[in-house]
Amino acid sequence: MSDVKVKDTVRPLVGLRRQVVHVDSPTEQRNPRTMDIDLMSTVGILGALNAEDKLVPDAVNAVLPQLARAVDYAVEALRAGHRVHYVGAGTSGRLATLDAAELVPTFNVPDDWFVAHHAGGPRALRQAVENAEDDDDAGAAELRESVEPGDFVLGLTASGRTPYVLGALAAASEAGCRTALVSGNPRSQNVPGVDVLIAVDTGPEAIAGSTRMKAGSAQKIILTAFSTATMIKLGRTYSNLMVSMRATNAKLRGRNVRILREATGMSEHDCSEALAESGDDLKVALVHLLSGVDTKTAGKALEANQGHVRNALASLHMRAS
């Protein structure tokens, strides 16, 4: 995860403490469907857990309109040369760090497009750092030092009230950033400093309070959908194919040839040759093969259309006609 920036946030700053209103979350309640889970067979336990997990996609589906707003804000920020920040503690922070790390090789994004901020710093990714998530001052200080006006900040908290996250979002808002909060608490309302509230109701966990379960699964789904949709909107795919990934080894170079063959219907020889002529730039090779223009013209068309393959092809077609 060396490509992801996770700063140390253990040191609190004096004078920034905010009062956080305690709002009961369904994730803390006992689940009536799993009261006897400790009496079940192994298969029975797994079945009960799986039954709870099946509830997560529907809960995420209910907040897609709010998630769409967050995606549009992120796209707007990145197109304008700004960044996206993830903020979380515990499981939320670890999931956010994982998502940010995977975007670099998958979509060939610059290392600083997505920045993960995790309560307690890098050490907290592997072990708990005492009181780190309760330090709203540290969250506020971290974001004040990291954001610029126009950035987009996405916070994640299962309870909806993690002080580190709320402090960070408030500071980011004050700094001129748009913000969103993914909360596992549907009772969260009117959170200060939050432009978009994505409150997912996954109900009580199979094991009361263990938010690494359904709440964590919902966050993983939301993060993956959020970042993937953002990449699609920014032209990092062609159709449903990854055309922006880094081919850093033989396996990935082979995958580039397969993707190019899938997209064009051309032979392995022609696709390999096109990639070689394009300096292993899959997008350039793709536009070259689909439009018939040389690789230099294909590259210029992509540059003029912010890397969107379809838009580059459309512009070349218009020019030809």
Protein backbone atom coordinates (compact mmCIF):
# COMPACT_ATOMS: atom_id res chain seq x y z
CA MET A 1 0.00 0.00 0.00
CA SER A 2 2.97 2.31 -0.47
CA ASP A 3 1.15 4.31 -3.14
CA VAL A 4 -1.45 5.49 -0.64
CA LYS A 5 -0.70 8.42 1.61
CA VAL A 6 -1.71 7.74 5.21
CA LYS A 7 -0.44 10.35 7.60
CA ASP A 8 0.23 9.94 11.31
CA THR A 9 -2.67 11.46 13.23
CA VAL A 10 -1.99 10.35 16.80
CA ARG A 11 -0.93 13.75 18.17
CA PRO A 12 -3.98 15.79 19.26
CA LEU A 13 -4.18 19.57 19.01
CA VAL A 14 -5.45 21.47 22.02
CA GLY A 15 -8.56 23.62 21.76
CA LEU A 16 -10.36 21.94 18.88
CA ARG A 17 -12.51 19.46 20.81
CA ARG A 18 -16.12 19.31 19.63
CA GLN A 19 -19.06 17.83 21.39
CA VAL A 20 -20.40 14.80 19.50
CA VAL A 21 -24.05 13.98 20.06
CA HIS A 22 -24.57 10.30 20.83
CA VAL A 23 -27.04 8.78 18.40
CA ASP A 24 -27.92 5.12 18.96
CA SER A 25 -27.11 2.98 15.95
CA PRO A 26 -28.96 -0.20 14.94
CA THR A 27 -25.56 -1.88 14.61
CA GLU A 28 -25.26 -1.81 18.42
CA GLN A 29 -28.56 -3.58 19.00
CA ARG A 30 -29.05 -7.32 19.50
CA ASN A 31 -30.23 -9.20 16.44
CA PRO A 32 -33.33 -11.33 17.19
CA ARG A 33 -32.46 -13.66 14.31
CA THR A 34 -29.13 -14.72 15.81
CA MET A 35 -29.92 -14.97 19.53
CA ASP A 36 -29.07 -18.69 19.52
CA ILE A 37 -26.14 -18.53 17.14
CA ASP A 38 -23.81 -19.96 19.78
CA LEU A 39 -25.96 -23.10 19.95
CA MET A 40 -25.87 -23.76 16.20
CA SER A 41 -23.74 -26.21 14.25
CA THR A 42 -20.88 -24.83 12.20
CA VAL A 43 -22.99 -24.93 9.05
CA GLY A 44 -25.85 -23.32 10.94
CA ILE A 45 -23.62 -20.45 12.11
CA LEU A 46 -22.37 -19.86 8.59
CA GLY A 47 -25.91 -20.01 7.24
CA ALA A 48 -27.10 -17.42 9.77
CA LEU A 49 -24.20 -15.10 8.89
CA ASN A 50 -24.84 -15.54 5.18
CA ALA A 51 -28.53 -14.76 5.63
CA GLU A 52 -27.59 -11.46 7.28
CA ASP A 53 -25.06 -10.67 4.56
CA LYS A 54 -27.79 -11.04 1.92
CA LEU A 55 -29.50 -7.97 3.38
CA VAL A 56 -26.56 -5.68 2.56
CA PRO A 57 -27.03 -5.12 -1.22
CA ASP A 58 -30.63 -3.97 -0.76
CA ALA A 59 -29.53 -1.55 1.95
CA VAL A 60 -26.92 -0.09 -0.38
CA ASN A 61 -29.44 0.09 -3.23
CA ALA A 62 -31.62 2.37 -1.10
CA VAL A 63 -28.89 5.05 -0.94
CA LEU A 64 -27.77 5.04 -4.60
CA PRO A 65 -29.19 8.54 -5.29
CA GLN A 66 -27.04 9.97 -2.51
CA LEU A 67 -24.04 7.94 -3.63
CA ALA A 68 -24.50 9.29 -7.16
CA ARG A 69 -24.19 12.84 -5.84
CA ALA A 70 -20.93 11.92 -4.15
CA VAL A 71 -19.60 10.41 -7.38
CA ASP A 72 -20.49 13.54 -9.34
CA TYR A 73 -18.75 15.73 -6.78
CA ALA A 74 -15.64 13.54 -6.96
CA VAL A 75 -15.60 13.64 -10.76
CA GLU A 76 -15.96 17.41 -10.71
CA ALA A 77 -13.07 17.73 -8.26
CA LEU A 78 -10.71 15.44 -10.18
CA ARG A 79 -11.51 17.06 -13.54
CA ALA A 80 -10.59 20.42 -12.04
CA GLY A 81 -7.20 19.12 -10.87
CA HIS A 82 -8.18 18.52 -7.25
CA ARG A 83 -8.13 15.35 -5.14
CA VAL A 84 -10.43 12.91 -3.36
CA HIS A 85 -9.79 12.17 0.33
CA TYR A 86 -11.06 9.19 2.30
CA VAL A 87 -11.34 9.52 6.08
CA GLY A 88 -12.02 6.66 8.47
CA ALA A 89 -11.10 4.85 11.68
CA GLY A 90 -10.75 1.14 12.40
CA THR A 91 -12.43 -1.08 9.81
CA SER A 92 -13.74 1.95 7.90
CA GLY A 93 -10.26 3.43 7.56
CA ARG A 94 -8.71 0.12 6.53
CA LEU A 95 -11.33 -0.45 3.83
CA ALA A 96 -10.82 3.09 2.55
CA THR A 97 -7.04 2.64 2.43
CA LEU A 98 -7.46 -0.61 0.51
CA ASP A 99 -9.76 0.99 -2.04
CA ALA A 100 -7.41 3.92 -2.62
CA ALA A 101 -4.41 1.60 -3.01
CA GLU A 102 -6.11 -0.57 -5.63
CA LEU A 103 -7.06 2.34 -7.88
CA VAL A 104 -3.45 3.10 -8.78
CA PRO A 105 -2.65 -0.15 -10.64
CA THR A 106 -6.22 -0.85 -11.78
CA PHE A 107 -6.94 2.48 -13.43
CA ASN A 108 -3.45 3.99 -13.67
CA VAL A 109 -4.46 7.06 -11.67
CA PRO A 110 -1.83 9.43 -10.27
CA ASP A 111 -0.69 8.39 -6.80
CA ASP A 112 -2.16 11.49 -5.18
CA TRP A 113 -5.64 11.45 -6.74
CA PHE A 114 -7.06 9.45 -3.83
CA VAL A 115 -5.59 10.08 -0.38
CA ALA A 116 -6.55 7.91 2.60
CA HIS A 117 -6.53 9.35 6.13
CA HIS A 118 -6.76 6.74 8.86
CA ALA A 119 -7.16 7.56 12.56
CA GLY A 120 -3.94 6.61 14.32
CA GLY A 121 -1.81 6.73 11.18
CA PRO A 122 -0.10 3.82 9.40
CA ARG A 123 0.39 1.86 12.64
CA ALA A 124 -3.39 1.67 13.13
CA LEU A 125 -3.78 -0.24 9.87
CA ARG A 126 -2.36 -3.33 11.59
CA GLN A 127 -3.29 -2.79 15.23
CA ALA A 128 -5.63 -0.66 17.29
CA VAL A 129 -4.29 2.73 18.42
CA GLU A 130 -5.93 3.68 21.71
CA ASN A 131 -8.32 6.64 21.56
CA ALA A 132 -7.32 7.57 17.97
CA GLU A 133 -10.88 7.41 16.65
CA ASP A 134 -12.14 9.58 19.53
CA ASP A 135 -9.79 12.46 18.67
CA ASP A 136 -11.75 14.95 16.59
CA ASP A 137 -8.93 17.46 16.97
CA ALA A 138 -6.54 15.10 15.19
CA GLY A 139 -9.02 14.55 12.36
CA ALA A 140 -9.51 18.29 11.96
CA ALA A 141 -5.76 18.99 12.03
CA GLU A 142 -5.06 16.22 9.52
CA LEU A 143 -7.49 17.59 6.95
CA ARG A 144 -6.50 21.22 7.46
CA GLU A 145 -2.95 20.24 6.53
CA SER A 146 -3.95 18.07 3.58
CA VAL A 147 -6.89 19.55 1.66
CA GLU A 148 -7.20 22.44 -0.73
CA PRO A 149 -10.40 24.26 -1.69
CA GLY A 150 -12.14 22.24 -4.36
CA ASP A 151 -11.09 18.81 -3.05
CA PHE A 152 -13.75 16.23 -2.25
CA VAL A 153 -13.73 14.42 1.10
CA LEU A 154 -15.58 11.16 1.83
CA GLY A 155 -15.83 10.10 5.46
CA LEU A 156 -16.85 6.65 6.66
CA THR A 157 -18.18 5.64 10.06
CA ALA A 158 -20.37 2.68 11.01
CA SER A 159 -21.79 4.45 14.05
CA GLY A 160 -22.31 7.78 12.31
CA ARG A 161 -20.58 9.59 15.15
CA THR A 162 -16.84 8.77 15.08
CA PRO A 163 -15.21 11.99 16.36
CA TYR A 164 -12.05 11.69 14.22
CA VAL A 165 -14.17 11.48 11.06
CA LEU A 166 -16.64 14.21 12.00
CA GLY A 167 -13.82 16.55 13.01
CA ALA A 168 -12.09 15.93 9.68
CA LEU A 169 -15.26 16.59 7.68
CA ALA A 170 -16.00 19.81 9.55
CA ALA A 171 -12.47 21.09 8.92
CA ALA A 172 -12.62 20.10 5.25
CA SER A 173 -15.92 21.92 4.81
CA GLU A 174 -14.48 25.03 6.44
CA ALA A 175 -11.54 24.81 4.02
CA GLY A 176 -13.84 24.95 0.98
CA CYS A 177 -14.24 21.23 0.18
CA ARG A 178 -17.40 19.37 -0.69
CA THR A 179 -17.95 16.48 1.69
CA ALA A 180 -19.95 13.28 2.08
CA LEU A 181 -20.40 10.85 4.96
CA VAL A 182 -21.06 7.13 4.65
CA SER A 183 -22.82 6.23 7.89
CA GLY A 184 -24.09 2.85 9.09
CA ASN A 185 -26.61 4.69 11.22
CA PRO A 186 -29.86 5.62 9.41
CA ARG A 187 -30.71 7.90 12.34
CA SER A 188 -27.83 10.22 11.45
CA GLN A 189 -29.30 13.52 10.31
CA ASN A 190 -28.00 17.00 9.52
CA VAL A 191 -24.37 16.24 10.31
CA PRO A 192 -22.44 19.56 10.44
CA GLY A 193 -20.03 20.06 7.57
CA VAL A 194 -21.54 17.29 5.42
CA ASP A 195 -22.99 18.03 1.97
CA VAL A 196 -24.15 14.48 1.20
CA LEU A 197 -25.25 12.01 3.88
CA ILE A 198 -25.22 8.37 2.77
CA ALA A 199 -26.91 6.63 5.69
CA VAL A 200 -27.11 2.87 5.11
CA ASP A 201 -29.48 0.78 7.21
CA THR A 202 -28.02 -2.73 7.47
CA GLY A 203 -29.79 -3.33 10.79
CA PRO A 204 -28.35 -5.07 13.85
CA GLU A 205 -25.23 -7.12 13.30
CA ALA A 206 -25.24 -10.90 13.72
CA ILE A 207 -22.89 -10.27 16.65
CA ALA A 208 -24.03 -7.07 18.36
CA GLY A 209 -21.73 -4.14 17.67
CA SER A 210 -19.37 -6.05 15.36
CA THR A 211 -19.47 -3.51 12.54
CA ARG A 212 -16.77 -5.32 10.57
CA MET A 213 -19.67 -7.53 9.45
CA LYS A 214 -22.70 -6.08 7.60
CA ALA A 215 -21.77 -2.44 8.14
CA GLY A 216 -18.26 -3.16 6.89
CA SER A 217 -19.59 -5.10 3.89
CA ALA A 218 -21.84 -2.17 3.00
CA GLN A 219 -18.89 0.22 3.20
CA LYS A 220 -16.82 -2.04 0.95
CA ILE A 221 -19.61 -2.19 -1.64
CA ILE A 222 -20.11 1.58 -1.48
CA LEU A 223 -16.39 2.35 -1.77
CA THR A 224 -15.93 0.00 -4.72
CA ALA A 225 -19.00 1.39 -6.47
CA PHE A 226 -18.02 4.99 -5.70
CA SER A 227 -14.47 4.73 -7.02
CA THR A 228 -15.37 2.53 -10.01
CA ALA A 229 -18.20 4.86 -11.09
CA THR A 230 -15.83 7.81 -10.72
CA MET A 231 -13.26 6.09 -12.94
CA ILE A 232 -15.90 5.25 -15.55
CA LYS A 233 -17.12 8.86 -15.65
CA LEU A 234 -13.52 10.03 -16.09
CA GLY A 235 -13.02 7.75 -19.11
CA ARG A 236 -10.77 5.21 -17.43
CA THR A 237 -12.73 2.37 -19.07
CA TYR A 238 -13.94 1.62 -22.58
CA SER A 239 -17.28 -0.16 -22.46
CA ASN A 240 -16.79 -2.51 -19.49
CA LEU A 241 -13.09 -3.07 -20.16
CA MET A 242 -10.17 -1.77 -18.11
CA VAL A 243 -8.11 0.26 -20.57
CA SER A 244 -6.10 2.42 -18.19
CA MET A 245 -4.32 -0.14 -16.02
CA ARG A 246 -0.54 -0.22 -15.64
CA ALA A 247 1.07 -3.15 -17.47
CA THR A 248 3.95 -3.62 -15.05
CA ASN A 249 4.64 -7.31 -15.71
CA ALA A 250 4.26 -10.02 -18.34
CA LYS A 251 0.86 -11.10 -17.00
CA LEU A 252 -0.59 -7.61 -17.30
CA ARG A 253 0.96 -7.06 -20.72
CA GLY A 254 -0.76 -10.25 -21.82
CA ARG A 255 -4.01 -8.96 -20.36
CA ASN A 256 -3.64 -5.75 -22.39
CA VAL A 257 -3.43 -7.82 -25.58
CA ARG A 258 -6.54 -9.79 -24.57
CA ILE A 259 -8.45 -6.59 -23.76
CA LEU A 260 -7.46 -5.09 -27.09
CA ARG A 261 -8.57 -8.22 -28.94
CA GLU A 262 -11.88 -8.20 -27.04
CA ALA A 263 -12.50 -4.54 -27.87
CA THR A 264 -11.50 -4.68 -31.55
CA GLY A 265 -12.02 -8.26 -32.68
CA MET A 266 -8.56 -8.21 -34.25
CA SER A 267 -5.85 -10.84 -34.13
CA GLU A 268 -3.30 -11.27 -31.38
CA HIS A 269 -0.55 -10.32 -33.83
CA ASP A 270 -2.25 -7.08 -34.89
CA CYS A 271 -3.02 -6.13 -31.28
CA SER A 272 0.51 -6.85 -30.08
CA GLU A 273 1.91 -4.82 -32.95
CA ALA A 274 -0.41 -1.91 -32.19
CA LEU A 275 0.61 -1.94 -28.54
CA ALA A 276 4.28 -1.89 -29.50
CA GLU A 277 3.70 1.06 -31.85
CA SER A 278 1.79 2.84 -29.07
CA GLY A 279 4.50 2.41 -26.46
CA ASP A 280 2.28 -0.07 -24.57
CA ASP A 281 -0.41 2.60 -24.18
CA LEU A 282 -3.59 0.55 -24.42
CA LYS A 283 -5.86 3.53 -25.07
CA VAL A 284 -3.71 4.84 -27.90
CA ALA A 285 -3.57 1.38 -29.45
CA LEU A 286 -7.34 1.03 -29.10
CA VAL A 287 -8.14 4.35 -30.79
CA HIS A 288 -5.54 3.58 -33.48
CA LEU A 289 -7.10 0.22 -34.33
CA LEU A 290 -10.74 1.31 -34.12
CA SER A 291 -10.33 4.55 -36.09
CA GLY A 292 -7.54 3.65 -38.50
CA VAL A 293 -5.51 6.78 -37.71
CA ASP A 294 -1.84 6.54 -36.80
CA THR A 295 -0.80 6.29 -33.15
CA LYS A 296 0.37 9.92 -32.97
CA THR A 297 -3.04 11.18 -34.12
CA ALA A 298 -4.76 8.75 -31.77
CA GLY A 299 -2.73 10.07 -28.84
CA LYS A 300 -3.59 13.68 -29.69
CA ALA A 301 -7.30 12.83 -29.95
CA LEU A 302 -7.19 11.22 -26.51
CA GLU A 303 -5.37 14.19 -25.02
CA ALA A 304 -7.95 16.58 -26.48
CA ASN A 305 -10.75 14.51 -24.95
CA GLN A 306 -9.30 14.03 -21.44
CA GLY A 307 -8.50 10.38 -22.10
CA HIS A 308 -12.04 9.31 -23.06
CA VAL A 309 -11.77 6.64 -25.76
CA ARG A 310 -15.35 7.02 -26.98
CA ASN A 311 -15.08 10.82 -27.14
CA ALA A 312 -11.76 10.58 -28.96
CA LEU A 313 -13.28 8.20 -31.51
CA ALA A 314 -16.29 10.48 -31.96
CA SER A 315 -14.06 13.49 -32.57
CA LEU A 316 -12.01 11.60 -35.15
CA HIS A 317 -15.19 10.42 -36.87
CA MET A 318 -16.52 13.98 -37.03
CA ARG A 319 -13.24 15.21 -38.44
CA ALA A 320 -13.27 12.49 -41.10
CA SER A 321 -16.84 13.28 -42.13
